[in-house]
Amino acid sequence: MSMPEEQQTIAGYKGKVQEPGEFKNPNEGKPPLNEDDEYILRLVSLPRVSHQKQEKERKDGTKYLEDVDMAFCDFEESATKNIVSARFRIDKLNFSDEDKYRSGVITFFHKIGHPIQEHVYPDWTQYFVVGMRFRSRIKVGVDKSPAGHKTPNGRFWLDGPTCRKLLPKDTTGEDFQTPTQLKPDATLPNALLLAKGAKDGHEALNKLKQANATKELTMAFFNADLEGKVTYPI
């Protein structure tokens, strides 16, 4: 009779920390983006939440570590399919009137035409809608050498201050029109039917969520709303 295999507990277990350079670059082999041009970006998937500690400084100059939650987003550039990343702090929101104190995620949604309702913590699924699109410039990611030299690393980051709504020419030929201009089986009219009676975009998205609307329906409504092609009340 063989002896049972001895099992290891997690006590004392040590793995390894993944180095940043070990992650596969999703932009490898794609035409590079540059910081001078503006691009159309699309949200690829729901953001991932990362729990981190950030060093902060008190007024008296002493430093301390604060627990923060960050939402990491991946946006796809429409032409080259490069991935443009962004991160927003979401555990604490500040609706300040001054730009330098306002939370980055609040400024972002305001700039792309879908402002977050003030002083109410949001349901992020009504804001980070997979497939949502907007225009923005990007920042080229760099690696620093020990000597302080910066080398582009093929990764790209969202340039928050330059984010804005799509232009009318960006959606020419798409189905995001008013219900009377669309054929009966089009996606947007079905979304508007589920959101009937909504007084604003927040209420409409809530109605779609309660009705278990598909991602396609929700995305069609979201993009049409961003482009100002939805009339309220629905």
Protein backbone atom coordinates (compact mmCIF):
# COMPACT_ATOMS: atom_id res chain seq x y z
CA MET A 1 0.00 0.00 0.00
CA SER A 2 1.53 3.32 -1.11
CA MET A 3 1.88 6.15 1.32
CA PRO A 4 -0.44 9.15 0.67
CA GLU A 5 1.31 12.05 -1.05
CA GLU A 6 2.24 14.79 1.39
CA GLN A 7 0.47 18.02 0.47
CA GLN A 8 2.04 21.43 0.89
CA THR A 9 0.15 24.18 2.65
CA ILE A 10 0.41 27.81 1.63
CA ALA A 11 2.46 28.55 4.75
CA GLY A 12 5.90 29.61 3.68
CA TYR A 13 5.07 29.42 -0.01
CA LYS A 14 6.91 31.91 -2.20
CA GLY A 15 6.24 32.55 -5.86
CA LYS A 16 7.77 35.18 -8.07
CA VAL A 17 6.80 38.75 -8.88
CA GLN A 18 6.10 39.31 -12.55
CA GLU A 19 8.32 42.02 -13.99
CA PRO A 20 6.60 44.67 -16.16
CA GLY A 21 8.66 43.72 -19.17
CA GLU A 22 7.51 40.09 -19.00
CA PHE A 23 3.93 40.88 -20.06
CA LYS A 24 3.24 40.50 -23.77
CA ASN A 25 2.83 43.85 -25.50
CA PRO A 26 -0.57 43.82 -27.29
CA ASN A 27 0.73 46.44 -29.76
CA GLU A 28 3.66 44.43 -31.05
CA GLY A 29 3.79 44.42 -34.87
CA LYS A 30 1.16 47.16 -35.28
CA PRO A 31 1.79 50.59 -36.82
CA PRO A 32 2.79 52.93 -33.96
CA LEU A 33 0.64 55.81 -32.76
CA ASN A 34 2.02 59.29 -32.15
CA GLU A 35 1.22 62.11 -29.75
CA ASP A 36 0.39 64.66 -32.45
CA ASP A 37 -2.66 62.92 -33.94
CA GLU A 38 -6.16 62.42 -32.56
CA TYR A 39 -7.66 58.94 -32.63
CA ILE A 40 -11.04 57.25 -32.31
CA LEU A 41 -10.91 54.87 -29.34
CA ARG A 42 -13.30 52.08 -28.31
CA LEU A 43 -13.60 50.42 -24.88
CA VAL A 44 -12.60 46.77 -25.35
CA SER A 45 -13.85 45.28 -22.07
CA LEU A 46 -14.99 46.22 -18.59
CA PRO A 47 -12.11 47.83 -16.64
CA ARG A 48 -10.12 45.71 -14.21
CA VAL A 49 -9.88 46.86 -10.58
CA SER A 50 -6.47 46.88 -8.91
CA HIS A 51 -5.95 47.42 -5.17
CA GLN A 52 -2.80 49.44 -4.56
CA LYS A 53 -0.96 51.52 -1.98
CA GLN A 54 0.09 55.04 -2.95
CA GLU A 55 2.51 57.28 -1.12
CA LYS A 56 0.87 60.52 0.04
CA GLU A 57 2.23 63.57 1.81
CA ARG A 58 0.56 65.44 4.69
CA LYS A 59 0.65 69.22 5.03
CA ASP A 60 3.43 68.94 7.58
CA GLY A 61 5.58 67.09 5.05
CA THR A 62 5.31 63.61 6.57
CA LYS A 63 4.57 60.77 4.19
CA TYR A 64 2.22 57.81 4.53
CA LEU A 65 0.73 55.00 2.43
CA GLU A 66 -2.93 55.13 1.40
CA ASP A 67 -5.02 52.23 0.07
CA VAL A 68 -6.46 53.09 -3.35
CA ASP A 69 -8.51 51.21 -5.95
CA MET A 70 -7.68 51.85 -9.59
CA ALA A 71 -9.74 50.97 -12.67
CA PHE A 72 -7.48 49.90 -15.55
CA CYS A 73 -9.06 50.39 -18.98
CA ASP A 74 -8.11 49.11 -22.43
CA PHE A 75 -9.24 51.13 -25.45
CA GLU A 76 -8.70 49.99 -29.05
CA GLU A 77 -7.67 52.47 -31.74
CA SER A 78 -10.04 52.11 -34.69
CA ALA A 79 -7.53 52.00 -37.57
CA THR A 80 -4.39 50.26 -36.27
CA LYS A 81 -6.07 48.21 -33.49
CA ASN A 82 -3.41 49.37 -31.02
CA ILE A 83 -4.43 49.15 -27.36
CA VAL A 84 -4.41 52.44 -25.46
CA SER A 85 -4.50 52.09 -21.68
CA ALA A 86 -5.89 54.34 -18.97
CA ARG A 87 -6.22 54.17 -15.20
CA PHE A 88 -8.64 56.02 -12.96
CA ARG A 89 -8.94 56.11 -9.19
CA ILE A 90 -12.44 54.95 -8.24
CA ASP A 91 -12.50 54.29 -4.47
CA LYS A 92 -12.87 58.00 -3.67
CA LEU A 93 -14.57 60.54 -5.96
CA ASN A 94 -14.23 64.32 -5.78
CA PHE A 95 -16.78 66.47 -7.64
CA SER A 96 -14.83 69.70 -7.10
CA ASP A 97 -15.44 72.64 -9.46
CA GLU A 98 -11.68 73.10 -9.72
CA ASP A 99 -10.06 70.88 -12.33
CA LYS A 100 -6.98 70.13 -10.25
CA TYR A 101 -9.08 68.67 -7.42
CA ARG A 102 -11.74 66.89 -9.52
CA SER A 103 -11.35 63.12 -9.92
CA GLY A 104 -9.91 62.10 -13.27
CA VAL A 105 -12.73 59.65 -14.00
CA ILE A 106 -15.32 62.41 -13.46
CA THR A 107 -13.47 64.74 -15.84
CA PHE A 108 -13.16 61.94 -18.42
CA PHE A 109 -16.89 61.21 -18.63
CA HIS A 110 -17.71 64.92 -18.66
CA LYS A 111 -15.38 65.46 -21.62
CA ILE A 112 -16.87 62.62 -23.68
CA GLY A 113 -20.43 63.84 -23.09
CA HIS A 114 -21.66 61.38 -20.45
CA PRO A 115 -21.26 63.25 -17.12
CA ILE A 116 -21.49 61.36 -13.84
CA GLN A 117 -24.41 62.35 -11.62
CA GLU A 118 -23.03 64.56 -8.86
CA HIS A 119 -22.64 63.40 -5.26
CA VAL A 120 -23.93 59.87 -5.98
CA TYR A 121 -21.52 56.96 -6.27
CA PRO A 122 -22.18 55.54 -9.75
CA ASP A 123 -22.99 52.10 -11.10
CA TRP A 124 -19.92 51.87 -13.32
CA THR A 125 -21.65 49.53 -15.81
CA GLN A 126 -23.78 52.52 -16.85
CA TYR A 127 -20.65 54.48 -17.74
CA PHE A 128 -17.96 52.02 -18.83
CA VAL A 129 -20.06 50.46 -21.59
CA VAL A 130 -18.12 47.99 -23.73
CA GLY A 131 -17.98 49.39 -27.25
CA MET A 132 -18.29 53.05 -26.20
CA ARG A 133 -16.26 55.36 -28.42
CA PHE A 134 -14.72 58.82 -28.24
CA ARG A 135 -11.84 60.85 -29.69
CA SER A 136 -8.52 61.53 -27.96
CA ARG A 137 -4.80 61.95 -28.34
CA ILE A 138 -2.41 59.53 -26.67
CA LYS A 139 0.81 59.52 -24.69
CA VAL A 140 3.62 57.21 -25.82
CA GLY A 141 4.83 54.90 -23.05
CA VAL A 142 8.55 54.96 -22.27
CA ASP A 143 11.09 52.91 -20.35
CA LYS A 144 13.82 54.72 -18.40
CA SER A 145 17.39 53.50 -18.41
CA PRO A 146 19.60 53.73 -15.29
CA ALA A 147 21.19 56.76 -16.93
CA GLY A 148 17.81 58.46 -17.21
CA HIS A 149 17.34 58.04 -20.96
CA LYS A 150 13.76 57.47 -22.14
CA THR A 151 12.99 54.88 -24.83
CA PRO A 152 9.50 54.28 -26.35
CA ASN A 153 8.27 50.85 -25.24
CA GLY A 154 5.44 50.31 -27.73
CA ARG A 155 2.68 50.93 -25.21
CA PHE A 156 0.27 53.85 -25.28
CA TRP A 157 -1.65 55.74 -22.60
CA LEU A 158 -4.77 57.88 -22.83
CA ASP A 159 -4.16 61.65 -22.85
CA GLY A 160 -7.06 62.57 -20.55
CA PRO A 161 -7.25 66.33 -21.16
CA THR A 162 -7.72 65.80 -24.92
CA CYS A 163 -10.70 63.38 -24.71
CA ARG A 164 -13.91 64.54 -26.41
CA LYS A 165 -17.09 63.36 -28.11
CA LEU A 166 -17.09 61.93 -31.61
CA LEU A 167 -17.59 64.33 -34.49
CA PRO A 168 -20.59 63.95 -36.85
CA LYS A 169 -18.27 62.83 -39.67
CA ASP A 170 -17.01 59.97 -37.47
CA THR A 171 -20.40 58.25 -37.55
CA THR A 172 -21.46 58.92 -41.15
CA GLY A 173 -23.25 55.89 -42.54
CA GLU A 174 -23.84 54.27 -39.14
CA ASP A 175 -27.20 53.30 -37.68
CA PHE A 176 -27.16 55.83 -34.83
CA GLN A 177 -30.05 57.99 -36.11
CA THR A 178 -33.46 58.94 -34.77
CA PRO A 179 -36.10 56.16 -34.54
CA THR A 180 -38.19 57.56 -37.42
CA GLN A 181 -35.21 57.28 -39.77
CA LEU A 182 -34.53 53.63 -39.01
CA LYS A 183 -35.95 50.37 -40.24
CA PRO A 184 -38.12 48.51 -37.67
CA ASP A 185 -35.56 45.82 -36.86
CA ALA A 186 -32.63 48.20 -36.25
CA THR A 187 -30.79 48.01 -32.94
CA LEU A 188 -31.28 51.55 -31.65
CA PRO A 189 -35.11 51.61 -31.89
CA ASN A 190 -35.23 48.38 -29.87
CA ALA A 191 -33.06 50.02 -27.21
CA LEU A 192 -35.26 53.14 -27.21
CA LEU A 193 -38.34 50.97 -26.79
CA LEU A 194 -36.86 49.36 -23.66
CA ALA A 195 -35.89 52.80 -22.34
CA LYS A 196 -39.25 54.41 -23.12
CA GLY A 197 -40.23 57.10 -20.62
CA ALA A 198 -36.66 57.81 -19.47
CA LYS A 199 -36.04 61.49 -18.72
CA ASP A 200 -32.24 61.35 -19.20
CA GLY A 201 -29.39 59.06 -20.12
CA HIS A 202 -28.86 57.74 -16.60
CA GLU A 203 -32.48 56.63 -16.28
CA ALA A 204 -32.41 55.13 -19.78
CA LEU A 205 -29.34 53.01 -19.05
CA ASN A 206 -30.91 51.87 -15.80
CA LYS A 207 -34.05 50.77 -17.69
CA LEU A 208 -31.90 48.86 -20.18
CA LYS A 209 -30.05 47.13 -17.34
CA GLN A 210 -33.31 46.17 -15.59
CA ALA A 211 -34.59 44.75 -18.89
CA ASN A 212 -31.41 42.65 -19.28
CA ALA A 213 -30.69 44.36 -22.60
CA THR A 214 -27.94 42.83 -24.73
CA LYS A 215 -24.53 44.48 -25.03
CA GLU A 216 -25.37 45.41 -28.63
CA LEU A 217 -28.54 47.23 -27.57
CA THR A 218 -26.81 49.03 -24.72
CA MET A 219 -23.84 50.02 -26.90
CA ALA A 220 -26.11 51.33 -29.68
CA PHE A 221 -28.01 53.50 -27.20
CA PHE A 222 -24.86 54.67 -25.40
CA ASN A 223 -23.10 55.79 -28.58
CA ALA A 224 -26.24 57.46 -29.95
CA ASP A 225 -26.65 59.34 -26.67
CA LEU A 226 -22.99 60.45 -26.73
CA GLU A 227 -23.55 61.80 -30.23
CA GLY A 228 -26.63 63.80 -29.16
CA LYS A 229 -29.02 61.76 -31.29
CA VAL A 230 -31.44 60.76 -28.52
CA THR A 231 -34.32 63.09 -27.61
CA TYR A 232 -35.66 63.15 -24.02
CA PRO A 233 -38.01 62.16 -22.63
CA ILE A 234 -37.88 59.00 -24.73
